Amino acid sequence: AQRLRQTETLLAVTKILASTLDFTEAVRQTTREMARTLGADMGGVWCLAGGSEQLGFVAGYHVPPDLRSSMAETSVAMTDDVIKRLRRIDGPIYATNSQADHRLNHPLTQLIPHKSLVLQPIQGVDDLVGFLALAWAGERHVFTSEEISLLAGTAHQLAVAVQLRRTQEQVSRQERLNALGQMASGIAHDFNN
């Protein structure tokens, strides 16, 4: 039954990520799917912004509006200790009693009411491209190895979506540069005639 639930969740995530070109909406729906499946009270995803060394808030699920604006304003540097730890280890940082776990002591985690917390790295081809955070505010959550595997599978799918978004941004930027070049060439031609 557990294996079937994992497979169904990964299929749902795949469907979500494949069904929309709106990256933010796809990430929000993926976060919702993971929060519901694991019983988390809220969740969010942070990703690298084009060419930046800062992870910015992309989307969340069940994040109160006032907290959402605080999260949107709080970027996380790639040099941050928690991010360095996520880059070093192969897997998530999680704790059933997250308030007492020093690994999760961070200004961002202090914004979120939580008893249990997981930070799942989203690993790109070469490096970390983001992370998924899920929080349990009402009761502590005991993590199972199946849940950790499910988080890893979801993070892999999110990494593909992030890479696709980056590729789309590069193509769009190249198209704009080409159009600008053609326009400049046309203006130069008009001046010469």
N, C-alpha and C. Protein backbone atom coordinates (compact mmCIF):
# COMPACT_ATOMS: atom_id res chain seq x y z
N ALA A 1 0.83 -1.20 0.00
CA ALA A 1 0.00 0.00 0.00
C ALA A 1 0.88 1.26 0.00
N GLN A 2 1.94 1.24 0.80
CA GLN A 2 2.85 2.37 0.88
C GLN A 2 3.54 2.62 -0.46
N ARG A 3 3.98 1.54 -1.10
CA ARG A 3 4.66 1.64 -2.40
C ARG A 3 3.71 2.19 -3.46
N LEU A 4 2.48 1.75 -3.42
CA LEU A 4 1.47 2.23 -4.36
C LEU A 4 1.23 3.73 -4.16
N ARG A 5 1.14 4.16 -2.91
CA ARG A 5 0.94 5.58 -2.61
C ARG A 5 2.10 6.42 -3.15
N GLN A 6 3.34 5.92 -2.97
CA GLN A 6 4.50 6.64 -3.49
C GLN A 6 4.44 6.75 -5.00
N THR A 7 4.11 5.66 -5.66
CA THR A 7 4.03 5.65 -7.12
C THR A 7 2.94 6.61 -7.60
N GLU A 8 1.79 6.58 -6.95
CA GLU A 8 0.70 7.49 -7.31
C GLU A 8 1.11 8.94 -7.13
N THR A 9 1.82 9.24 -6.05
CA THR A 9 2.26 10.61 -5.79
C THR A 9 3.26 11.06 -6.84
N LEU A 10 4.24 10.21 -7.17
CA LEU A 10 5.22 10.57 -8.20
C LEU A 10 4.56 10.75 -9.56
N LEU A 11 3.56 9.93 -9.87
CA LEU A 11 2.82 10.10 -11.11
C LEU A 11 2.05 11.42 -11.11
N ALA A 12 1.46 11.76 -9.99
CA ALA A 12 0.72 13.03 -9.88
C ALA A 12 1.67 14.21 -10.06
N VAL A 13 2.85 14.13 -9.45
CA VAL A 13 3.85 15.20 -9.59
C VAL A 13 4.30 15.32 -11.05
N THR A 14 4.55 14.19 -11.69
CA THR A 14 4.94 14.20 -13.10
C THR A 14 3.86 14.86 -13.95
N LYS A 15 2.62 14.50 -13.69
CA LYS A 15 1.49 15.07 -14.44
C LYS A 15 1.41 16.58 -14.22
N ILE A 16 1.58 17.02 -12.99
CA ILE A 16 1.53 18.45 -12.67
C ILE A 16 2.61 19.19 -13.43
N LEU A 17 3.84 18.69 -13.35
CA LEU A 17 4.97 19.39 -13.96
C LEU A 17 4.89 19.38 -15.48
N ALA A 18 4.25 18.38 -16.04
CA ALA A 18 4.14 18.28 -17.50
C ALA A 18 2.92 19.02 -18.06
N SER A 19 1.96 19.35 -17.20
CA SER A 19 0.69 19.88 -17.69
C SER A 19 0.64 21.40 -17.80
N THR A 20 1.60 22.10 -17.27
CA THR A 20 1.53 23.56 -17.33
C THR A 20 2.89 24.15 -17.68
N LEU A 21 2.85 25.24 -18.41
CA LEU A 21 4.08 25.96 -18.72
C LEU A 21 4.38 27.01 -17.66
N ASP A 22 3.42 27.24 -16.76
CA ASP A 22 3.61 28.21 -15.69
C ASP A 22 4.41 27.55 -14.57
N PHE A 23 5.68 27.89 -14.50
CA PHE A 23 6.59 27.25 -13.55
C PHE A 23 6.12 27.43 -12.11
N THR A 24 5.73 28.65 -11.75
CA THR A 24 5.31 28.93 -10.37
C THR A 24 4.10 28.09 -9.98
N GLU A 25 3.13 28.00 -10.88
CA GLU A 25 1.93 27.20 -10.59
C GLU A 25 2.28 25.72 -10.48
N ALA A 26 3.15 25.23 -11.34
CA ALA A 26 3.56 23.82 -11.27
C ALA A 26 4.26 23.53 -9.95
N VAL A 27 5.10 24.45 -9.51
CA VAL A 27 5.82 24.26 -8.23
C VAL A 27 4.83 24.31 -7.07
N ARG A 28 3.87 25.24 -7.13
CA ARG A 28 2.87 25.33 -6.06
C ARG A 28 2.07 24.03 -5.97
N GLN A 29 1.63 23.51 -7.10
CA GLN A 29 0.84 22.28 -7.10
C GLN A 29 1.67 21.08 -6.64
N THR A 30 2.94 21.05 -7.02
CA THR A 30 3.83 19.97 -6.56
C THR A 30 4.01 20.04 -5.05
N THR A 31 4.20 21.24 -4.54
CA THR A 31 4.35 21.42 -3.10
C THR A 31 3.08 20.98 -2.37
N ARG A 32 1.92 21.34 -2.93
CA ARG A 32 0.64 20.92 -2.35
C ARG A 32 0.54 19.40 -2.32
N GLU A 33 0.89 18.76 -3.42
CA GLU A 33 0.81 17.30 -3.51
C GLU A 33 1.70 16.65 -2.44
N MET A 34 2.90 17.16 -2.27
CA MET A 34 3.82 16.58 -1.27
C MET A 34 3.33 16.84 0.15
N ALA A 35 2.85 18.05 0.40
CA ALA A 35 2.35 18.37 1.75
C ALA A 35 1.16 17.49 2.10
N ARG A 36 0.24 17.33 1.16
CA ARG A 36 -0.93 16.47 1.41
C ARG A 36 -0.52 15.01 1.63
N THR A 37 0.37 14.52 0.79
CA THR A 37 0.79 13.12 0.88
C THR A 37 1.48 12.83 2.21
N LEU A 38 2.33 13.75 2.64
CA LEU A 38 3.09 13.51 3.88
C LEU A 38 2.41 14.07 5.12
N GLY A 39 1.29 14.75 4.93
CA GLY A 39 0.55 15.29 6.08
C GLY A 39 1.15 16.56 6.66
N ALA A 40 1.95 17.29 5.88
CA ALA A 40 2.55 18.54 6.36
C ALA A 40 1.50 19.65 6.38
N ASP A 41 1.72 20.60 7.26
CA ASP A 41 0.79 21.73 7.37
C ASP A 41 1.05 22.81 6.33
N MET A 42 2.28 22.93 5.89
CA MET A 42 2.62 23.92 4.86
C MET A 42 3.92 23.54 4.19
N GLY A 43 4.17 24.17 3.05
CA GLY A 43 5.39 23.88 2.33
C GLY A 43 5.74 25.01 1.38
N GLY A 44 6.97 25.00 0.93
CA GLY A 44 7.42 26.01 -0.03
C GLY A 44 8.66 25.53 -0.76
N VAL A 45 8.92 26.19 -1.90
CA VAL A 45 10.09 25.88 -2.71
C VAL A 45 10.86 27.16 -2.97
N TRP A 46 12.17 27.06 -2.83
CA TRP A 46 13.10 28.16 -3.13
C TRP A 46 14.01 27.68 -4.25
N CYS A 47 14.25 28.54 -5.24
CA CYS A 47 15.11 28.19 -6.37
C CYS A 47 16.03 29.35 -6.71
N LEU A 48 17.12 29.00 -7.39
CA LEU A 48 18.03 30.02 -7.88
C LEU A 48 17.33 30.85 -8.94
N ALA A 49 17.51 32.14 -8.86
CA ALA A 49 17.02 33.04 -9.91
C ALA A 49 18.12 33.15 -10.95
N GLY A 50 17.74 33.33 -12.22
CA GLY A 50 18.69 33.36 -13.33
C GLY A 50 20.01 34.06 -13.05
N GLY A 51 21.08 33.31 -12.99
CA GLY A 51 22.42 33.85 -12.82
C GLY A 51 22.75 34.35 -11.42
N SER A 52 21.84 34.21 -10.49
CA SER A 52 22.02 34.71 -9.14
C SER A 52 22.65 33.65 -8.24
N GLU A 53 23.21 34.10 -7.15
CA GLU A 53 23.71 33.19 -6.12
C GLU A 53 22.77 33.21 -4.91
N GLN A 54 21.52 33.60 -5.16
CA GLN A 54 20.50 33.67 -4.12
C GLN A 54 19.34 32.75 -4.48
N LEU A 55 18.86 32.03 -3.48
CA LEU A 55 17.66 31.20 -3.65
C LEU A 55 16.47 32.05 -3.23
N GLY A 56 15.52 32.20 -4.14
CA GLY A 56 14.33 32.99 -3.85
C GLY A 56 13.10 32.12 -3.74
N PHE A 57 12.13 32.59 -2.97
CA PHE A 57 10.88 31.87 -2.78
C PHE A 57 10.11 31.85 -4.10
N VAL A 58 9.71 30.66 -4.54
CA VAL A 58 8.98 30.50 -5.79
C VAL A 58 7.49 30.35 -5.53
N ALA A 59 7.13 29.42 -4.67
CA ALA A 59 5.71 29.16 -4.41
C ALA A 59 5.58 28.36 -3.12
N GLY A 60 4.37 28.42 -2.56
CA GLY A 60 4.12 27.69 -1.34
C GLY A 60 2.72 27.12 -1.31
N TYR A 61 2.47 26.32 -0.29
CA TYR A 61 1.16 25.73 -0.08
C TYR A 61 0.77 25.91 1.38
N HIS A 62 -0.41 26.44 1.61
CA HIS A 62 -0.94 26.73 2.95
C HIS A 62 -0.03 27.67 3.74
N VAL A 63 0.65 28.56 3.05
CA VAL A 63 1.48 29.56 3.71
C VAL A 63 0.61 30.78 3.95
N PRO A 64 0.43 31.20 5.22
CA PRO A 64 -0.40 32.38 5.50
C PRO A 64 0.11 33.60 4.72
N PRO A 65 -0.79 34.49 4.28
CA PRO A 65 -0.40 35.64 3.44
C PRO A 65 0.72 36.50 4.04
N ASP A 66 0.66 36.79 5.34
CA ASP A 66 1.71 37.62 5.94
C ASP A 66 3.05 36.90 5.94
N LEU A 67 3.03 35.61 6.14
CA LEU A 67 4.26 34.81 6.11
C LEU A 67 4.77 34.68 4.68
N ARG A 68 3.86 34.57 3.72
CA ARG A 68 4.25 34.46 2.31
C ARG A 68 5.02 35.71 1.87
N SER A 69 4.57 36.89 2.29
CA SER A 69 5.29 38.11 1.90
C SER A 69 6.66 38.17 2.57
N SER A 70 6.76 37.71 3.81
CA SER A 70 8.07 37.67 4.49
C SER A 70 9.00 36.69 3.79
N MET A 71 8.46 35.54 3.38
CA MET A 71 9.28 34.55 2.68
C MET A 71 9.73 35.08 1.33
N ALA A 72 8.84 35.77 0.64
CA ALA A 72 9.17 36.31 -0.68
C ALA A 72 10.29 37.34 -0.58
N GLU A 73 10.36 38.04 0.53
CA GLU A 73 11.38 39.06 0.73
C GLU A 73 12.69 38.48 1.26
N THR A 74 12.67 37.22 1.71
CA THR A 74 13.85 36.61 2.32
C THR A 74 14.50 35.63 1.34
N SER A 75 15.60 36.06 0.74
CA SER A 75 16.34 35.14 -0.12
C SER A 75 17.40 34.44 0.73
N VAL A 76 17.88 33.33 0.22
CA VAL A 76 18.87 32.54 0.95
C VAL A 76 20.11 32.44 0.06
N ALA A 77 21.24 32.87 0.59
CA ALA A 77 22.49 32.85 -0.17
C ALA A 77 23.02 31.43 -0.31
N MET A 78 23.64 31.16 -1.43
CA MET A 78 24.25 29.84 -1.65
C MET A 78 25.39 29.60 -0.66
N THR A 79 25.89 30.65 -0.04
CA THR A 79 26.97 30.53 0.93
C THR A 79 26.45 30.33 2.36
N ASP A 80 25.14 30.32 2.52
CA ASP A 80 24.52 30.14 3.82
C ASP A 80 24.87 28.75 4.38
N ASP A 81 25.03 28.65 5.69
CA ASP A 81 25.42 27.38 6.31
C ASP A 81 24.45 26.24 6.02
N VAL A 82 23.15 26.51 6.09
CA VAL A 82 22.16 25.46 5.81
C VAL A 82 22.29 25.01 4.36
N ILE A 83 22.47 25.94 3.45
CA ILE A 83 22.60 25.60 2.03
C ILE A 83 23.90 24.85 1.79
N LYS A 84 24.98 25.26 2.43
CA LYS A 84 26.24 24.52 2.32
C LYS A 84 26.05 23.07 2.77
N ARG A 85 25.29 22.88 3.85
CA ARG A 85 25.03 21.54 4.35
C ARG A 85 24.20 20.73 3.34
N LEU A 86 23.18 21.36 2.75
CA LEU A 86 22.37 20.67 1.73
C LEU A 86 23.21 20.30 0.52
N ARG A 87 24.19 21.14 0.18
CA ARG A 87 25.05 20.87 -0.97
C ARG A 87 26.01 19.72 -0.68
N ARG A 88 26.40 19.57 0.58
CA ARG A 88 27.39 18.56 0.98
C ARG A 88 26.81 17.17 1.13
N ILE A 89 25.59 17.09 1.65
CA ILE A 89 25.03 15.77 1.97
C ILE A 89 24.21 15.25 0.80
N ASP A 90 24.01 13.96 0.80
CA ASP A 90 23.19 13.33 -0.23
C ASP A 90 21.84 13.01 0.39
N GLY A 91 20.95 13.98 0.38
CA GLY A 91 19.63 13.78 0.96
C GLY A 91 19.18 15.00 1.73
N PRO A 92 18.04 14.89 2.36
CA PRO A 92 17.45 16.05 3.05
C PRO A 92 18.01 16.25 4.46
N ILE A 93 17.71 17.43 4.98
CA ILE A 93 17.90 17.69 6.40
C ILE A 93 16.50 17.63 6.98
N TYR A 94 16.30 16.77 7.97
CA TYR A 94 14.96 16.66 8.56
C TYR A 94 15.08 16.36 10.04
N ALA A 95 14.04 16.75 10.76
CA ALA A 95 14.03 16.50 12.20
C ALA A 95 12.60 16.39 12.69
N THR A 96 12.35 15.38 13.49
CA THR A 96 11.04 15.21 14.12
C THR A 96 10.82 16.32 15.13
N ASN A 97 11.87 16.70 15.86
CA ASN A 97 11.81 17.82 16.81
C ASN A 97 12.69 18.94 16.25
N SER A 98 12.18 19.63 15.25
CA SER A 98 12.98 20.61 14.52
C SER A 98 13.36 21.84 15.34
N GLN A 99 12.58 22.18 16.34
CA GLN A 99 12.91 23.34 17.17
C GLN A 99 14.21 23.12 17.95
N ALA A 100 14.50 21.87 18.26
CA ALA A 100 15.70 21.55 19.05
C ALA A 100 16.90 21.17 18.18
N ASP A 101 16.72 21.12 16.87
CA ASP A 101 17.79 20.68 15.98
C ASP A 101 18.58 21.88 15.47
N HIS A 102 19.86 21.98 15.85
CA HIS A 102 20.70 23.12 15.48
C HIS A 102 20.89 23.25 13.97
N ARG A 103 20.77 22.16 13.23
CA ARG A 103 20.96 22.21 11.77
C ARG A 103 19.89 23.06 11.10
N LEU A 104 18.76 23.22 11.77
CA LEU A 104 17.63 23.95 11.20
C LEU A 104 17.47 25.34 11.82
N ASN A 105 18.49 25.78 12.54
CA ASN A 105 18.45 27.11 13.14
C ASN A 105 18.85 28.13 12.08
N HIS A 106 17.86 28.80 11.53
CA HIS A 106 18.08 29.73 10.42
C HIS A 106 17.01 30.81 10.48
N PRO A 107 17.31 32.03 10.08
CA PRO A 107 16.28 33.09 10.10
C PRO A 107 15.00 32.70 9.35
N LEU A 108 15.14 31.97 8.26
CA LEU A 108 13.97 31.55 7.49
C LEU A 108 13.11 30.56 8.28
N THR A 109 13.75 29.59 8.93
CA THR A 109 12.98 28.61 9.69
C THR A 109 12.37 29.24 10.93
N GLN A 110 12.91 30.35 11.40
CA GLN A 110 12.33 31.04 12.54
C GLN A 110 11.05 31.78 12.17
N LEU A 111 10.85 32.03 10.88
CA LEU A 111 9.61 32.65 10.41
C LEU A 111 8.45 31.68 10.44
N ILE A 112 8.77 30.38 10.33
CA ILE A 112 7.75 29.34 10.15
C ILE A 112 7.47 28.66 11.48
N PRO A 113 6.19 28.61 11.88
CA PRO A 113 5.88 27.82 13.08
C PRO A 113 6.02 26.33 12.74
N HIS A 114 6.85 25.63 13.47
CA HIS A 114 7.06 24.21 13.14
C HIS A 114 7.46 23.40 14.35
N LYS A 115 7.03 22.14 14.31
CA LYS A 115 7.48 21.15 15.29
C LYS A 115 8.38 20.14 14.61
N SER A 116 8.08 19.87 13.32
CA SER A 116 8.92 19.01 12.49
C SER A 116 9.13 19.72 11.17
N LEU A 117 10.28 19.45 10.57
CA LEU A 117 10.65 20.17 9.35
C LEU A 117 11.55 19.29 8.49
N VAL A 118 11.39 19.42 7.17
CA VAL A 118 12.30 18.76 6.24
C VAL A 118 12.69 19.77 5.17
N LEU A 119 13.98 19.78 4.85
CA LEU A 119 14.51 20.58 3.74
C LEU A 119 15.09 19.59 2.74
N GLN A 120 14.44 19.45 1.61
CA GLN A 120 14.87 18.50 0.58
C GLN A 120 15.60 19.26 -0.51
N PRO A 121 16.89 18.97 -0.73
CA PRO A 121 17.61 19.66 -1.80
C PRO A 121 17.07 19.30 -3.18
N ILE A 122 17.08 20.28 -4.06
CA ILE A 122 16.74 20.06 -5.47
C ILE A 122 18.07 20.19 -6.20
N GLN A 123 18.58 19.05 -6.61
CA GLN A 123 19.92 18.95 -7.17
C GLN A 123 19.87 19.02 -8.69
N GLY A 124 20.54 20.02 -9.26
CA GLY A 124 20.64 20.12 -10.71
C GLY A 124 21.77 19.24 -11.21
N VAL A 125 22.12 19.41 -12.46
CA VAL A 125 23.18 18.61 -13.07
C VAL A 125 24.50 18.82 -12.34
N ASP A 126 24.85 20.07 -12.06
CA ASP A 126 26.14 20.38 -11.47
C ASP A 126 26.09 20.76 -10.00
N ASP A 127 24.97 21.31 -9.55
CA ASP A 127 24.93 21.85 -8.20
C ASP A 127 23.48 21.98 -7.74
N LEU A 128 23.33 22.39 -6.51
CA LEU A 128 22.02 22.64 -5.93
C LEU A 128 21.33 23.78 -6.68
N VAL A 129 20.07 23.58 -7.06
CA VAL A 129 19.31 24.64 -7.75
C VAL A 129 18.14 25.12 -6.92
N GLY A 130 17.91 24.49 -5.77
CA GLY A 130 16.82 24.91 -4.91
C GLY A 130 16.58 23.91 -3.79
N PHE A 131 15.50 24.15 -3.05
CA PHE A 131 15.09 23.19 -2.03
C PHE A 131 13.60 23.29 -1.78
N LEU A 132 13.05 22.17 -1.36
CA LEU A 132 11.65 22.05 -0.97
C LEU A 132 11.63 21.97 0.55
N ALA A 133 10.80 22.79 1.18
CA ALA A 133 10.66 22.76 2.63
C ALA A 133 9.23 22.38 2.99
N LEU A 134 9.07 21.45 3.91
CA LEU A 134 7.76 21.08 4.43
C LEU A 134 7.81 21.21 5.94
N ALA A 135 6.71 21.77 6.51
CA ALA A 135 6.66 21.99 7.95
C ALA A 135 5.39 21.39 8.55
N TRP A 136 5.55 20.82 9.72
CA TRP A 136 4.44 20.31 10.51
C TRP A 136 4.35 21.21 11.74
N ALA A 137 3.26 21.95 11.85
CA ALA A 137 3.09 22.91 12.94
C ALA A 137 2.29 22.34 14.10
N GLY A 138 1.31 21.49 13.80
CA GLY A 138 0.42 20.98 14.84
C GLY A 138 1.04 19.89 15.69
N GLU A 139 1.56 18.89 15.04
CA GLU A 139 2.15 17.75 15.74
C GLU A 139 3.49 17.41 15.13
N ARG A 140 4.32 16.75 15.90
CA ARG A 140 5.60 16.27 15.36
C ARG A 140 5.36 15.14 14.38
N HIS A 141 6.23 15.07 13.39
CA HIS A 141 6.12 14.05 12.36
C HIS A 141 7.35 13.14 12.41
N VAL A 142 7.12 11.86 12.46
CA VAL A 142 8.20 10.88 12.43
C VAL A 142 8.39 10.47 10.96
N PHE A 143 9.56 10.75 10.43
CA PHE A 143 9.85 10.49 9.02
C PHE A 143 10.20 9.03 8.79
N THR A 144 9.70 8.49 7.68
CA THR A 144 10.01 7.11 7.31
C THR A 144 10.98 7.13 6.12
N SER A 145 11.64 6.02 5.91
CA SER A 145 12.56 5.93 4.77
C SER A 145 11.80 6.03 3.45
N GLU A 146 10.55 5.55 3.42
CA GLU A 146 9.74 5.67 2.21
C GLU A 146 9.44 7.13 1.90
N GLU A 147 9.17 7.93 2.92
CA GLU A 147 8.91 9.36 2.71
C GLU A 147 10.16 10.07 2.21
N ILE A 148 11.30 9.70 2.74
CA ILE A 148 12.56 10.31 2.29
C ILE A 148 12.81 9.95 0.82
N SER A 149 12.52 8.72 0.44
CA SER A 149 12.65 8.31 -0.97
C SER A 149 11.69 9.08 -1.86
N LEU A 150 10.48 9.26 -1.40
CA LEU A 150 9.47 10.01 -2.16
C LEU A 150 9.91 11.46 -2.33
N LEU A 151 10.45 12.06 -1.29
CA LEU A 151 10.97 13.43 -1.38
C LEU A 151 12.10 13.51 -2.41
N ALA A 152 12.98 12.52 -2.41
CA ALA A 152 14.10 12.51 -3.37
C ALA A 152 13.58 12.41 -4.80
N GLY A 153 12.59 11.56 -5.03
CA GLY A 153 12.02 11.43 -6.37
C GLY A 153 11.35 12.71 -6.83
N THR A 154 10.64 13.34 -5.93
CA THR A 154 9.98 14.61 -6.25
C THR A 154 11.01 15.69 -6.53
N ALA A 155 12.07 15.73 -5.73
CA ALA A 155 13.12 16.74 -5.94
C ALA A 155 13.78 16.54 -7.30
N HIS A 156 13.95 15.30 -7.70
CA HIS A 156 14.53 15.03 -9.02
C HIS A 156 13.63 15.60 -10.12
N GLN A 157 12.34 15.40 -9.99
CA GLN A 157 11.40 15.93 -10.98
C GLN A 157 11.39 17.46 -10.96
N LEU A 158 11.48 18.04 -9.78
CA LEU A 158 11.55 19.51 -9.69
C LEU A 158 12.84 20.02 -10.34
N ALA A 159 13.93 19.29 -10.19
CA ALA A 159 15.20 19.70 -10.81
C ALA A 159 15.06 19.74 -12.33
N VAL A 160 14.36 18.77 -12.89
CA VAL A 160 14.13 18.76 -14.34
C VAL A 160 13.30 19.99 -14.74
N ALA A 161 12.29 20.31 -13.94
CA ALA A 161 11.46 21.49 -14.23
C ALA A 161 12.28 22.77 -14.13
N VAL A 162 13.16 22.86 -13.14
CA VAL A 162 14.02 24.04 -12.99
C VAL A 162 14.94 24.17 -14.21
N GLN A 163 15.52 23.06 -14.64
CA GLN A 163 16.40 23.09 -15.80
C GLN A 163 15.64 23.50 -17.06
N LEU A 164 14.42 23.01 -17.21
CA LEU A 164 13.59 23.40 -18.35
C LEU A 164 13.30 24.89 -18.31
N ARG A 165 12.99 25.40 -17.13
CA ARG A 165 12.73 26.85 -16.98
C ARG A 165 13.97 27.65 -17.37
N ARG A 166 15.14 27.23 -16.91
CA ARG A 166 16.38 27.93 -17.26
C ARG A 166 16.61 27.92 -18.77
N THR A 167 16.37 26.78 -19.40
CA THR A 167 16.54 26.68 -20.85
C THR A 167 15.57 27.60 -21.57
N GLN A 168 14.32 27.63 -21.11
CA GLN A 168 13.32 28.52 -21.71
C GLN A 168 13.74 29.99 -21.56
N GLU A 169 14.27 30.35 -20.39
CA GLU A 169 14.73 31.72 -20.17
C GLU A 169 15.89 32.07 -21.11
N GLN A 170 16.82 31.12 -21.30
CA GLN A 170 17.95 31.36 -22.20
C GLN A 170 17.49 31.52 -23.64
N VAL A 171 16.55 30.69 -24.08
CA VAL A 171 16.02 30.79 -25.44
C VAL A 171 15.30 32.12 -25.61
N SER A 172 14.50 32.49 -24.65
CA SER A 172 13.77 33.76 -24.71
C SER A 172 14.73 34.94 -24.76
N ARG A 173 15.77 34.90 -23.95
CA ARG A 173 16.78 35.96 -23.94
C ARG A 173 17.48 36.03 -25.30
N GLN A 174 17.82 34.87 -25.86
CA GLN A 174 18.48 34.83 -27.16
C GLN A 174 17.57 35.38 -28.25
N GLU A 175 16.28 35.04 -28.19
CA GLU A 175 15.32 35.55 -29.17
C GLU A 175 15.21 37.08 -29.07
N ARG A 176 15.20 37.61 -27.86
CA ARG A 176 15.13 39.07 -27.68
C ARG A 176 16.38 39.73 -28.24
N LEU A 177 17.54 39.12 -27.99
CA LEU A 177 18.79 39.68 -28.52
C LEU A 177 18.80 39.64 -30.04
N ASN A 178 18.33 38.55 -30.62
CA ASN A 178 18.25 38.45 -32.08
C ASN A 178 17.32 39.51 -32.65
N ALA A 179 16.17 39.70 -32.04
CA ALA A 179 15.22 40.72 -32.51
C ALA A 179 15.82 42.12 -32.39
N LEU A 180 16.53 42.37 -31.30
CA LEU A 180 17.18 43.67 -31.11
C LEU A 180 18.26 43.88 -32.17
N GLY A 181 19.00 42.83 -32.48
CA GLY A 181 20.04 42.91 -33.52
C GLY A 181 19.44 43.20 -34.88
N GLN A 182 18.32 42.53 -35.19
CA GLN A 182 17.65 42.77 -36.48
C GLN A 182 17.12 44.20 -36.55
N MET A 183 16.57 44.68 -35.44
CA MET A 183 16.05 46.04 -35.41
C MET A 183 17.18 47.04 -35.60
N ALA A 184 18.30 46.84 -34.93
CA ALA A 184 19.45 47.73 -35.07
C ALA A 184 19.99 47.70 -36.50
N SER A 185 20.02 46.51 -37.08
CA SER A 185 20.48 46.38 -38.47
C SER A 185 19.56 47.13 -39.41
N GLY A 186 18.24 47.01 -39.19
CA GLY A 186 17.27 47.72 -40.02
C GLY A 186 17.41 49.23 -39.89
N ILE A 187 17.63 49.71 -38.67
CA ILE A 187 17.81 51.15 -38.46
C ILE A 187 19.07 51.62 -39.13
N ALA A 188 20.14 50.86 -39.00
CA ALA A 188 21.42 51.23 -39.64
C ALA A 188 21.25 51.27 -41.16
N HIS A 189 20.51 50.32 -41.68
CA HIS A 189 20.25 50.28 -43.13
C HIS A 189 19.46 51.51 -43.57
N ASP A 190 18.46 51.89 -42.78
CA ASP A 190 17.66 53.07 -43.10
C ASP A 190 18.51 54.34 -43.07
N PHE A 191 19.41 54.44 -42.11
CA PHE A 191 20.28 55.63 -42.04
C PHE A 191 21.23 55.69 -43.23
N ASN A 192 21.69 54.54 -43.66
CA ASN A 192 22.62 54.51 -44.80
C ASN A 192 21.93 54.85 -46.11
N ASN A 193 20.63 54.68 -46.18
CA ASN A 193 19.91 54.99 -47.42
C ASN A 193 19.33 56.34 -47.31
